[in-house]
């Protein structure tokens, strides 16, 4: 039975590993990258403990294709209806991230200033870590103030690869 608390999800593979896309009635609520599908499903269950999760790759085939196309060619962008969730602060951070053009990076401090919270650099980093929508909310474009890559929920190697692809 499909309820308002049902989340459909599907898997595919990309050159950066396994991909899962999950969609609620409102829109895509999760995009994640990982080493294997079991790990990605475990993460979905943790993120949405009260939801009924239904695997339905056929219903998500278009979204899965767009995500893989973005992985392979990040300047193409992702045009999907999103169900963002999060706190008001997280939403401000995530909105600022969506305004960073492909091939450009910003520091956590830049983002904090951009959202008029210049002393909230750590909170910005935490909001990036809480992002459930890899690629659609491009937290991979945020780096340390010295330009060095820092943590990325889906792995620093994936972050580096995405940034290299965007710069090409």
Protein backbone atom coordinates (compact mmCIF):
# COMPACT_ATOMS: atom_id res chain seq x y z
CA UNK A 1 0.00 0.00 0.00
CA UNK A 2 1.36 3.42 -0.96
CA UNK A 3 1.04 5.99 1.83
CA UNK A 4 2.09 9.61 2.26
CA UNK A 5 5.09 8.22 4.11
CA UNK A 6 6.23 6.01 1.24
CA UNK A 7 9.61 6.63 -0.33
CA UNK A 8 10.46 4.95 -3.61
CA UNK A 9 14.10 4.33 -4.38
CA UNK A 10 16.26 2.89 -7.11
CA UNK A 11 19.89 2.04 -7.68
CA UNK A 12 22.26 2.40 -10.57
CA UNK A 13 26.00 2.45 -11.08
CA UNK A 14 28.31 5.24 -12.18
CA UNK A 15 32.02 5.75 -12.61
CA UNK A 16 32.01 7.06 -9.02
CA UNK A 17 30.37 3.93 -7.61
CA UNK A 18 26.86 2.91 -6.70
CA UNK A 19 24.10 5.54 -6.75
CA UNK A 20 20.74 5.58 -5.02
CA UNK A 21 17.96 8.05 -5.71
CA UNK A 22 14.94 8.21 -3.40
CA UNK A 23 11.71 10.11 -3.99
CA UNK A 24 8.87 11.09 -1.69
CA UNK A 25 5.56 12.43 -2.95
CA UNK A 26 7.09 15.94 -2.87
CA UNK A 27 10.21 15.15 -4.89
CA UNK A 28 13.66 13.61 -4.73
CA UNK A 29 14.59 13.43 -1.04
CA UNK A 30 17.93 11.60 -1.29
CA UNK A 31 20.75 11.14 -3.75
CA UNK A 32 23.72 9.22 -2.41
CA UNK A 33 26.94 7.75 -3.71
CA UNK A 34 28.68 4.75 -2.20
CA UNK A 35 30.76 1.67 -2.62
CA UNK A 36 27.80 -0.71 -2.69
CA UNK A 37 24.02 -0.83 -2.73
CA UNK A 38 23.73 -2.49 0.68
CA UNK A 39 25.56 0.45 2.29
CA UNK A 40 23.32 2.94 0.47
CA UNK A 41 20.15 1.13 1.53
CA UNK A 42 21.34 1.07 5.15
CA UNK A 43 21.87 4.84 4.94
CA UNK A 44 18.36 5.35 3.54
CA UNK A 45 16.85 3.34 6.39
CA UNK A 46 18.75 5.45 8.94
CA UNK A 47 17.76 8.70 7.27
CA UNK A 48 14.07 7.78 6.92
CA UNK A 49 13.31 5.43 9.85
CA UNK A 50 9.55 6.01 9.78
CA UNK A 51 9.09 5.74 6.03
CA UNK A 52 7.99 2.75 4.04
CA UNK A 53 10.82 2.19 1.56
CA UNK A 54 9.87 0.62 -1.76
CA UNK A 55 12.45 -0.29 -4.37
CA UNK A 56 11.16 0.91 -7.73
CA UNK A 57 13.99 1.65 -10.15
CA UNK A 58 11.54 1.77 -13.07
CA UNK A 59 9.65 4.70 -11.54
CA UNK A 60 12.94 6.48 -10.91
CA UNK A 61 14.66 5.66 -14.20
CA UNK A 62 14.59 9.26 -15.43
CA UNK A 63 16.02 10.63 -12.18
CA UNK A 64 18.67 7.92 -12.07
CA UNK A 65 19.71 8.73 -15.64
CA UNK A 66 19.97 12.46 -14.83
CA UNK A 67 22.14 11.76 -11.80
CA UNK A 68 24.49 9.50 -13.77
CA UNK A 69 24.64 12.07 -16.58
CA UNK A 70 25.66 14.68 -13.98
CA UNK A 71 28.34 12.39 -12.51
CA UNK A 72 29.83 11.90 -15.95
CA UNK A 73 29.39 15.52 -17.08
CA UNK A 74 28.81 17.78 -14.04
CA UNK A 75 28.34 20.94 -16.05
CA UNK A 76 25.07 19.47 -17.39
CA UNK A 77 23.33 20.15 -14.05
CA UNK A 78 20.50 18.22 -12.49
CA UNK A 79 16.95 19.38 -12.99
CA UNK A 80 14.82 17.40 -10.54
CA UNK A 81 11.96 18.33 -8.21
CA UNK A 82 13.49 18.20 -4.71
CA UNK A 83 12.11 17.47 -1.25
CA UNK A 84 14.88 19.17 0.69
CA UNK A 85 13.80 18.96 4.34
CA UNK A 86 16.27 20.17 6.97
CA UNK A 87 16.25 23.02 9.45
CA UNK A 88 15.84 26.65 8.41
CA UNK A 89 19.60 27.19 8.83
CA UNK A 90 20.44 24.10 6.76
CA UNK A 91 18.08 25.26 4.03
CA UNK A 92 19.83 28.66 3.90
CA UNK A 93 23.20 26.92 3.55
CA UNK A 94 21.90 24.51 0.92
CA UNK A 95 20.30 27.33 -1.04
CA UNK A 96 23.65 29.16 -1.08
CA UNK A 97 25.36 25.96 -2.31
CA UNK A 98 22.99 25.67 -5.26
CA UNK A 99 24.16 29.11 -6.40
CA UNK A 100 27.82 28.03 -6.74
CA UNK A 101 28.45 27.51 -10.46
CA UNK A 102 29.98 24.28 -11.73
CA UNK A 103 33.76 24.52 -11.78
CA UNK A 104 33.84 27.03 -8.92
CA UNK A 105 34.55 26.37 -5.25
CA UNK A 106 33.74 28.40 -2.15
CA UNK A 107 35.03 28.03 1.39
CA UNK A 108 32.86 27.25 4.39
CA UNK A 109 33.64 30.81 5.59
CA UNK A 110 32.47 32.21 2.23
CA UNK A 111 29.16 30.41 2.62
CA UNK A 112 28.79 31.58 6.22
CA UNK A 113 29.28 35.20 5.11
CA UNK A 114 26.95 34.70 2.15
CA UNK A 115 24.09 33.66 4.45
CA UNK A 116 24.85 36.52 6.90
CA UNK A 117 26.15 34.18 9.60
CA UNK A 118 29.93 34.86 9.46
CA UNK A 119 30.65 33.19 12.81
CA UNK A 120 28.83 29.99 11.84
CA UNK A 121 31.58 28.32 9.80
CA UNK A 122 31.34 25.05 11.75
CA UNK A 123 27.56 25.04 11.46
CA UNK A 124 27.91 25.51 7.70
CA UNK A 125 30.24 22.50 7.59
CA UNK A 126 27.72 20.48 9.62
CA UNK A 127 24.92 21.49 7.25
CA UNK A 128 27.06 20.30 4.33
CA UNK A 129 27.54 16.98 6.13
CA UNK A 130 23.78 16.67 6.70
CA UNK A 131 22.96 17.18 3.02
CA UNK A 132 21.03 14.16 1.71
CA UNK A 133 21.01 15.34 -1.90
CA UNK A 134 24.50 14.73 -3.27
CA UNK A 135 25.11 16.58 -6.51
CA UNK A 136 21.71 18.33 -6.53
CA UNK A 137 22.91 20.38 -3.57
CA UNK A 138 26.58 20.63 -4.54
CA UNK A 139 28.36 20.48 -1.19
CA UNK A 140 31.31 19.02 -3.10
CA UNK A 141 32.03 22.60 -4.23
CA UNK A 142 32.84 23.70 -0.66
CA UNK A 143 36.47 23.57 0.43
CA UNK A 144 38.56 24.79 3.35
CA UNK A 145 39.65 28.44 3.43
CA UNK A 146 43.14 27.43 2.26
CA UNK A 147 41.58 25.70 -0.79
CA UNK A 148 42.28 22.19 0.49
CA UNK A 149 39.67 19.50 0.18
CA UNK A 150 38.04 18.55 3.44
CA UNK A 151 35.54 15.87 4.34
CA UNK A 152 32.80 14.86 1.99
CA UNK A 153 30.00 12.61 3.12
CA UNK A 154 30.44 10.42 0.06
CA UNK A 155 34.24 10.34 0.20
CA UNK A 156 36.99 12.85 -0.54
CA UNK A 157 38.06 10.85 -3.62
CA UNK A 158 34.58 11.34 -5.09
CA UNK A 159 34.69 15.04 -4.21
CA UNK A 160 38.05 15.40 -5.96
CA UNK A 161 36.78 13.54 -9.03
CA UNK A 162 33.67 15.73 -9.27
CA UNK A 163 35.70 18.93 -8.95
CA UNK A 164 38.18 17.72 -11.58
CA UNK A 165 35.34 16.89 -13.96
CA UNK A 166 33.74 20.28 -13.41
CA UNK A 167 37.06 22.06 -14.04
CA UNK A 168 37.66 20.18 -17.32
